[in-house]
PDB file of N, CA and C in Angstrom:
ATOM      1  N   MET A   1     -36.996  -3.007  -5.892  1.00  0.00           N
ATOM      2  CA  MET A   1     -37.269  -2.453  -4.579  1.00  0.00           C
ATOM      3  C   MET A   1     -37.440  -0.939  -4.733  1.00  0.00           C
ATOM      4  N   THR A   2     -38.467  -0.426  -4.104  1.00  0.00           N
ATOM      5  CA  THR A   2     -38.743   1.006  -4.184  1.00  0.00           C
ATOM      6  C   THR A   2     -37.882   1.771  -3.188  1.00  0.00           C
ATOM      7  N   ILE A   3     -37.796   3.071  -3.402  1.00  0.00           N
ATOM      8  CA  ILE A   3     -37.030   3.928  -2.497  1.00  0.00           C
ATOM      9  C   ILE A   3     -37.640   3.888  -1.102  1.00  0.00           C
ATOM     10  N   GLU A   4     -38.973   3.922  -1.016  1.00  0.00           N
ATOM     11  CA  GLU A   4     -39.643   3.927   0.278  1.00  0.00           C
ATOM     12  C   GLU A   4     -39.324   2.651   1.069  1.00  0.00           C
ATOM     13  N   ARG A   5     -39.324   1.506   0.391  1.00  0.00           N
ATOM     14  CA  ARG A   5     -39.015   0.248   1.076  1.00  0.00           C
ATOM     15  C   ARG A   5     -37.555   0.235   1.529  1.00  0.00           C
ATOM     16  N   PHE A   6     -36.652   0.744   0.690  1.00  0.00           N
ATOM     17  CA  PHE A   6     -35.243   0.779   1.060  1.00  0.00           C
ATOM     18  C   PHE A   6     -35.021   1.683   2.268  1.00  0.00           C
ATOM     19  N   ILE A   7     -35.721   2.807   2.322  1.00  0.00           N
ATOM     20  CA  ILE A   7     -35.589   3.716   3.463  1.00  0.00           C
ATOM     21  C   ILE A   7     -36.115   3.057   4.731  1.00  0.00           C
ATOM     22  N   ARG A   8     -37.210   2.315   4.644  1.00  0.00           N
ATOM     23  CA  ARG A   8     -37.726   1.591   5.809  1.00  0.00           C
ATOM     24  C   ARG A   8     -36.712   0.565   6.298  1.00  0.00           C
ATOM     25  N   ILE A   9     -36.104  -0.169   5.384  1.00  0.00           N
ATOM     26  CA  ILE A   9     -35.106  -1.176   5.752  1.00  0.00           C
ATOM     27  C   ILE A   9     -33.905  -0.500   6.408  1.00  0.00           C
ATOM     28  N   LEU A  10     -33.440   0.575   5.812  1.00  0.00           N
ATOM     29  CA  LEU A  10     -32.276   1.278   6.343  1.00  0.00           C
ATOM     30  C   LEU A  10     -32.560   1.865   7.725  1.00  0.00           C
ATOM     31  N   ALA A  11     -33.730   2.469   7.903  1.00  0.00           N
ATOM     32  CA  ALA A  11     -34.088   3.047   9.195  1.00  0.00           C
ATOM     33  C   ALA A  11     -34.190   1.970  10.271  1.00  0.00           C
ATOM     34  N   GLY A  12     -34.839   0.868   9.956  1.00  0.00           N
ATOM     35  CA  GLY A  12     -34.960  -0.224  10.917  1.00  0.00           C
ATOM     36  C   GLY A  12     -33.610  -0.813  11.281  1.00  0.00           C
ATOM     37  N   ALA A  13     -32.753  -0.973  10.287  1.00  0.00           N
ATOM     38  CA  ALA A  13     -31.428  -1.538  10.539  1.00  0.00           C
ATOM     39  C   ALA A  13     -30.595  -0.609  11.413  1.00  0.00           C
ATOM     40  N   PHE A  14     -30.663   0.697  11.177  1.00  0.00           N
ATOM     41  CA  PHE A  14     -29.887   1.629  11.992  1.00  0.00           C
ATOM     42  C   PHE A  14     -30.405   1.710  13.426  1.00  0.00           C
ATOM     43  N   ILE A  15     -31.712   1.623  13.618  1.00  0.00           N
ATOM     44  CA  ILE A  15     -32.263   1.608  14.984  1.00  0.00           C
ATOM     45  C   ILE A  15     -31.765   0.378  15.725  1.00  0.00           C
ATOM     46  N   LEU A  16     -31.856  -0.787  15.083  1.00  0.00           N
ATOM     47  CA  LEU A  16     -31.402  -2.018  15.730  1.00  0.00           C
ATOM     48  C   LEU A  16     -29.891  -2.019  15.936  1.00  0.00           C
ATOM     49  N   LEU A  17     -29.136  -1.474  14.992  1.00  0.00           N
ATOM     50  CA  LEU A  17     -27.686  -1.380  15.141  1.00  0.00           C
ATOM     51  C   LEU A  17     -27.313  -0.494  16.324  1.00  0.00           C
ATOM     52  N   SER A  18     -27.973   0.649  16.465  1.00  0.00           N
ATOM     53  CA  SER A  18     -27.656   1.543  17.577  1.00  0.00           C
ATOM     54  C   SER A  18     -28.000   0.905  18.923  1.00  0.00           C
ATOM     55  N   LEU A  19     -29.111   0.173  18.995  1.00  0.00           N
ATOM     56  CA  LEU A  19     -29.453  -0.536  20.225  1.00  0.00           C
ATOM     57  C   LEU A  19     -28.424  -1.618  20.539  1.00  0.00           C
ATOM     58  N   GLY A  20     -28.019  -2.364  19.510  1.00  0.00           N
ATOM     59  CA  GLY A  20     -27.025  -3.417  19.704  1.00  0.00           C
ATOM     60  C   GLY A  20     -25.684  -2.862  20.157  1.00  0.00           C
ATOM     61  N   LEU A  21     -25.236  -1.786  19.531  1.00  0.00           N
ATOM     62  CA  LEU A  21     -23.966  -1.177  19.925  1.00  0.00           C
ATOM     63  C   LEU A  21     -24.017  -0.638  21.351  1.00  0.00           C
ATOM     64  N   ALA A  22     -25.113   0.000  21.708  1.00  0.00           N
ATOM     65  CA  ALA A  22     -25.250   0.523  23.072  1.00  0.00           C
ATOM     66  C   ALA A  22     -25.279  -0.616  24.085  1.00  0.00           C
ATOM     67  N   HIS A  23     -25.918  -1.713  23.731  1.00  0.00           N
ATOM     68  CA  HIS A  23     -25.984  -2.863  24.644  1.00  0.00           C
ATOM     69  C   HIS A  23     -24.612  -3.506  24.821  1.00  0.00           C
ATOM     70  N   PHE A  24     -23.911  -3.741  23.724  1.00  0.00           N
ATOM     71  CA  PHE A  24     -22.638  -4.455  23.806  1.00  0.00           C
ATOM     72  C   PHE A  24     -21.497  -3.592  24.321  1.00  0.00           C
ATOM     73  N   THR A  25     -21.655  -2.269  24.336  1.00  0.00           N
ATOM     74  CA  THR A  25     -20.644  -1.412  24.955  1.00  0.00           C
ATOM     75  C   THR A  25     -20.959  -1.148  26.418  1.00  0.00           C
ATOM     76  N   GLY A  26     -22.069  -1.703  26.905  1.00  0.00           N
ATOM     77  CA  GLY A  26     -22.418  -1.577  28.316  1.00  0.00           C
ATOM     78  C   GLY A  26     -23.163  -0.316  28.690  1.00  0.00           C
ATOM     79  N   GLN A  27     -23.625   0.432  27.711  1.00  0.00           N
ATOM     80  CA  GLN A  27     -24.330   1.675  28.003  1.00  0.00           C
ATOM     81  C   GLN A  27     -25.789   1.451  28.371  1.00  0.00           C
ATOM     82  N   ILE A  28     -26.390   0.346  27.900  1.00  0.00           N
ATOM     83  CA  ILE A  28     -27.768   0.012  28.260  1.00  0.00           C
ATOM     84  C   ILE A  28     -27.856  -1.469  28.564  1.00  0.00           C
ATOM     85  N   ASP A  29     -28.863  -1.853  29.323  1.00  0.00           N
ATOM     86  CA  ASP A  29     -29.076  -3.252  29.671  1.00  0.00           C
ATOM     87  C   ASP A  29     -30.408  -3.697  29.084  1.00  0.00           C
ATOM     88  N   LEU A  30     -30.357  -4.475  27.998  1.00  0.00           N
ATOM     89  CA  LEU A  30     -31.588  -4.921  27.347  1.00  0.00           C
ATOM     90  C   LEU A  30     -32.220  -6.124  28.035  1.00  0.00           C
ATOM     91  N   THR A  31     -31.572  -6.632  29.111  1.00  0.00           N
ATOM     92  CA  THR A  31     -32.165  -7.763  29.822  1.00  0.00           C
ATOM     93  C   THR A  31     -33.256  -7.314  30.778  1.00  0.00           C
ATOM     94  N   SER A  32     -33.294  -6.040  31.126  1.00  0.00           N
ATOM     95  CA  SER A  32     -34.353  -5.535  31.999  1.00  0.00           C
ATOM     96  C   SER A  32     -35.453  -4.904  31.147  1.00  0.00           C
ATOM     97  N   VAL A  33     -36.658  -4.895  31.679  1.00  0.00           N
ATOM     98  CA  VAL A  33     -37.785  -4.310  30.960  1.00  0.00           C
ATOM     99  C   VAL A  33     -37.620  -2.794  30.976  1.00  0.00           C
ATOM    100  N   SER A  34     -37.631  -2.202  29.817  1.00  0.00           N
ATOM    101  CA  SER A  34     -37.491  -0.747  29.730  1.00  0.00           C
ATOM    102  C   SER A  34     -38.151  -0.256  28.446  1.00  0.00           C
ATOM    103  N   TRP A  35     -38.132   1.045  28.274  1.00  0.00           N
ATOM    104  CA  TRP A  35     -38.711   1.650  27.083  1.00  0.00           C
ATOM    105  C   TRP A  35     -37.878   1.360  25.842  1.00  0.00           C
ATOM    106  N   LEU A  36     -36.660   0.841  26.024  1.00  0.00           N
ATOM    107  CA  LEU A  36     -35.835   0.516  24.870  1.00  0.00           C
ATOM    108  C   LEU A  36     -36.416  -0.635  24.066  1.00  0.00           C
ATOM    109  N   TRP A  37     -37.230  -1.466  24.700  1.00  0.00           N
ATOM    110  CA  TRP A  37     -37.883  -2.544  23.958  1.00  0.00           C
ATOM    111  C   TRP A  37     -38.873  -1.984  22.945  1.00  0.00           C
ATOM    112  N   LEU A  38     -39.460  -0.827  23.248  1.00  0.00           N
ATOM    113  CA  LEU A  38     -40.338  -0.166  22.284  1.00  0.00           C
ATOM    114  C   LEU A  38     -39.530   0.267  21.064  1.00  0.00           C
ATOM    115  N   THR A  39     -38.332   0.792  21.286  1.00  0.00           N
ATOM    116  CA  THR A  39     -37.459   1.179  20.189  1.00  0.00           C
ATOM    117  C   THR A  39     -37.077  -0.040  19.353  1.00  0.00           C
ATOM    118  N   ALA A  40     -36.775  -1.145  20.011  1.00  0.00           N
ATOM    119  CA  ALA A  40     -36.438  -2.375  19.298  1.00  0.00           C
ATOM    120  C   ALA A  40     -37.622  -2.862  18.470  1.00  0.00           C
ATOM    121  N   PHE A  41     -38.826  -2.783  19.015  1.00  0.00           N
ATOM    122  CA  PHE A  41     -40.026  -3.197  18.290  1.00  0.00           C
ATOM    123  C   PHE A  41     -40.235  -2.338  17.045  1.00  0.00           C
ATOM    124  N   ILE A  42     -40.037  -1.036  17.186  1.00  0.00           N
ATOM    125  CA  ILE A  42     -40.203  -0.128  16.051  1.00  0.00           C
ATOM    126  C   ILE A  42     -39.168  -0.441  14.972  1.00  0.00           C
ATOM    127  N   GLY A  43     -37.941  -0.701  15.391  1.00  0.00           N
ATOM    128  CA  GLY A  43     -36.898  -1.045  14.433  1.00  0.00           C
ATOM    129  C   GLY A  43     -37.201  -2.331  13.685  1.00  0.00           C
ATOM    130  N   LEU A  44     -37.667  -3.345  14.413  1.00  0.00           N
ATOM    131  CA  LEU A  44     -38.023  -4.612  13.769  1.00  0.00           C
ATOM    132  C   LEU A  44     -39.206  -4.446  12.823  1.00  0.00           C
ATOM    133  N   ASN A  45     -40.181  -3.630  13.218  1.00  0.00           N
ATOM    134  CA  ASN A  45     -41.347  -3.388  12.368  1.00  0.00           C
ATOM    135  C   ASN A  45     -40.933  -2.675  11.080  1.00  0.00           C
ATOM    136  N   LEU A  46     -40.042  -1.686  11.196  1.00  0.00           N
ATOM    137  CA  LEU A  46     -39.556  -1.001   9.997  1.00  0.00           C
ATOM    138  C   LEU A  46     -38.817  -1.958   9.074  1.00  0.00           C
ATOM    139  N   LEU A  47     -37.988  -2.805   9.669  1.00  0.00           N
ATOM    140  CA  LEU A  47     -37.200  -3.750   8.891  1.00  0.00           C
ATOM    141  C   LEU A  47     -38.094  -4.741   8.145  1.00  0.00           C
ATOM    142  N   GLN A  48     -39.063  -5.332   8.851  1.00  0.00           N
ATOM    143  CA  GLN A  48     -39.941  -6.305   8.198  1.00  0.00           C
ATOM    144  C   GLN A  48     -40.851  -5.633   7.178  1.00  0.00           C
ATOM    145  N   SER A  49     -41.302  -4.403   7.437  1.00  0.00           N
ATOM    146  CA  SER A  49     -42.183  -3.748   6.468  1.00  0.00           C
ATOM    147  C   SER A  49     -41.419  -3.368   5.208  1.00  0.00           C
ATOM    148  N   GLY A  50     -40.116  -3.123   5.342  1.00  0.00           N
ATOM    149  CA  GLY A  50     -39.314  -2.846   4.167  1.00  0.00           C
ATOM    150  C   GLY A  50     -39.182  -4.055   3.265  1.00  0.00           C
ATOM    151  N   PHE A  51     -39.066  -5.236   3.871  1.00  0.00           N
ATOM    152  CA  PHE A  51     -38.929  -6.459   3.082  1.00  0.00           C
ATOM    153  C   PHE A  51     -40.270  -6.996   2.584  1.00  0.00           C
ATOM    154  N   THR A  52     -41.302  -6.914   3.428  1.00  0.00           N
ATOM    155  CA  THR A  52     -42.585  -7.519   3.063  1.00  0.00           C
ATOM    156  C   THR A  52     -43.582  -6.538   2.467  1.00  0.00           C
ATOM    157  N   GLY A  53     -43.428  -5.251   2.750  1.00  0.00           N
ATOM    158  CA  GLY A  53     -44.389  -4.258   2.280  1.00  0.00           C
ATOM    159  C   GLY A  53     -45.629  -4.178   3.144  1.00  0.00           C
ATOM    160  N   ILE A  54     -45.660  -4.935   4.242  1.00  0.00           N
ATOM    161  CA  ILE A  54     -46.810  -4.945   5.143  1.00  0.00           C
ATOM    162  C   ILE A  54     -46.493  -4.059   6.342  1.00  0.00           C
ATOM    163  N   CYS A  55     -47.327  -3.054   6.579  1.00  0.00           N
ATOM    164  CA  CYS A  55     -47.122  -2.129   7.685  1.00  0.00           C
ATOM    165  C   CYS A  55     -48.406  -2.069   8.519  1.00  0.00           C
ATOM    166  N   PRO A  56     -48.445  -2.750   9.675  1.00  0.00           N
ATOM    167  CA  PRO A  56     -49.665  -2.753  10.488  1.00  0.00           C
ATOM    168  C   PRO A  56     -50.187  -1.366  10.860  1.00  0.00           C
ATOM    169  N   PRO A  57     -49.334  -0.395  11.255  1.00  0.00           N
ATOM    170  CA  PRO A  57     -49.887   0.930  11.562  1.00  0.00           C
ATOM    171  C   PRO A  57     -50.547   1.591  10.350  1.00  0.00           C
ATOM    172  N   GLU A  58     -50.026   1.339   9.159  1.00  0.00           N
ATOM    173  CA  GLU A  58     -50.616   1.909   7.951  1.00  0.00           C
ATOM    174  C   GLU A  58     -52.035   1.389   7.743  1.00  0.00           C
ATOM    175  N   LYS A  59     -52.225   0.093   7.935  1.00  0.00           N
ATOM    176  CA  LYS A  59     -53.565  -0.496   7.781  1.00  0.00           C
ATOM    177  C   LYS A  59     -54.532   0.050   8.830  1.00  0.00           C
ATOM    178  N   LEU A  60     -54.038   0.222  10.052  1.00  0.00           N
ATOM    179  CA  LEU A  60     -54.872   0.759  11.128  1.00  0.00           C
ATOM    180  C   LEU A  60     -55.288   2.196  10.818  1.00  0.00           C
ATOM    181  N   LEU A  61     -54.349   3.002  10.340  1.00  0.00           N
ATOM    182  CA  LEU A  61     -54.668   4.397  10.026  1.00  0.00           C
ATOM    183  C   LEU A  61     -55.642   4.503   8.861  1.00  0.00           C
ATOM    184  N   LYS A  62     -55.546   3.594   7.892  1.00  0.00           N
ATOM    185  CA  LYS A  62     -56.506   3.586   6.780  1.00  0.00           C
ATOM    186  C   LYS A  62     -57.915   3.299   7.291  1.00  0.00           C
ATOM    187  N   LYS A  63     -58.017   2.355   8.231  1.00  0.00           N
ATOM    188  CA  LYS A  63     -59.331   2.031   8.790  1.00  0.00           C
ATOM    189  C   LYS A  63     -59.898   3.189   9.599  1.00  0.00           C
ATOM    190  N   MET A  64     -59.018   4.018  10.159  1.00  0.00           N
ATOM    191  CA  MET A  64     -59.455   5.168  10.944  1.00  0.00           C
ATOM    192  C   MET A  64     -59.833   6.356  10.065  1.00  0.00           C
ATOM    193  N   GLY A  65     -59.630   6.221   8.729  1.00  0.00           N
ATOM    194  CA  GLY A  65     -60.077   7.257   7.814  1.00  0.00           C
ATOM    195  C   GLY A  65     -59.001   8.187   7.293  1.00  0.00           C
ATOM    196  N   PHE A  66     -57.752   7.929   7.590  1.00  0.00           N
ATOM    197  CA  PHE A  66     -56.688   8.771   7.077  1.00  0.00           C
ATOM    198  C   PHE A  66     -56.495   8.523   5.580  1.00  0.00           C
ATOM    199  N   GLN A  67     -56.150   9.569   4.862  1.00  0.00           N
ATOM    200  CA  GLN A  67     -55.941   9.491   3.413  1.00  0.00           C
ATOM    201  C   GLN A  67     -54.542   8.992   3.098  1.00  0.00           C
ATOM    202  N   GLU A  68     -54.406   8.269   1.987  1.00  0.00           N
ATOM    203  CA  GLU A  68     -53.096   7.859   1.513  1.00  0.00           C
ATOM    204  C   GLU A  68     -52.439   9.039   0.813  1.00  0.00           C
ATOM    205  N   GLY A  69     -51.157   9.223   1.082  1.00  0.00           N
ATOM    206  CA  GLY A  69     -50.447  10.331   0.478  1.00  0.00           C
ATOM    207  C   GLY A  69     -49.617   9.932  -0.715  1.00  0.00           C
ATOM    208  N   GLY A  70     -49.610   8.657  -1.085  1.00  0.00           N
ATOM    209  CA  GLY A  70     -48.837   8.211  -2.228  1.00  0.00           C
ATOM    210  C   GLY A  70     -47.419   7.837  -1.867  1.00  0.00           C
ATOM    211  N   GLY A  71     -47.081   7.768  -0.590  1.00  0.00           N
ATOM    212  CA  GLY A  71     -45.733   7.384  -0.182  1.00  0.00           C
ATOM    213  C   GLY A  71     -44.946   8.587   0.300  1.00  0.00           C
ATOM    214  N   ALA A  72     -44.071   8.340   1.230  1.00  0.00           N
ATOM    215  CA  ALA A  72     -43.287   9.414   1.830  1.00  0.00           C
ATOM    216  C   ALA A  72     -42.229   9.945   0.892  1.00  0.00           C
ATOM    217  N   CYS A  73     -41.813   9.157  -0.086  1.00  0.00           N
ATOM    218  CA  CYS A  73     -40.698   9.540  -0.940  1.00  0.00           C
ATOM    219  C   CYS A  73     -41.124   9.910  -2.355  1.00  0.00           C
ATOM    220  N   CYS A  74     -42.411  10.038  -2.594  1.00  0.00           N
ATOM    221  CA  CYS A  74     -42.885  10.384  -3.950  1.00  0.00           C
ATOM    222  C   CYS A  74     -42.733  11.881  -4.183  1.00  0.00           C
ATOM    223  N   LYS A  75     -42.561  12.241  -5.452  1.00  0.00           N
ATOM    224  CA  LYS A  75     -42.416  13.659  -5.804  1.00  0.00           C
ATOM    225  C   LYS A  75     -43.756  14.319  -5.913  1.00  0.00           C
TER     226      LYS A  75
END
């Protein structure tokens, strides 16, 4: 597993953990439609891209002409 994939997994897990903790302590209500679902979606996307290596926004940006930088964690 590469450093970049591990960072994606860790970031996604912490986003989902913070949402879960806020929900179960009663600070937010995830049963109503809110912008927090966007945060949950981003967390799930980070988590799955860390395990699978597939990142839909990355593919979209490549099609739009953005250059690859070699990874966020490369020297």
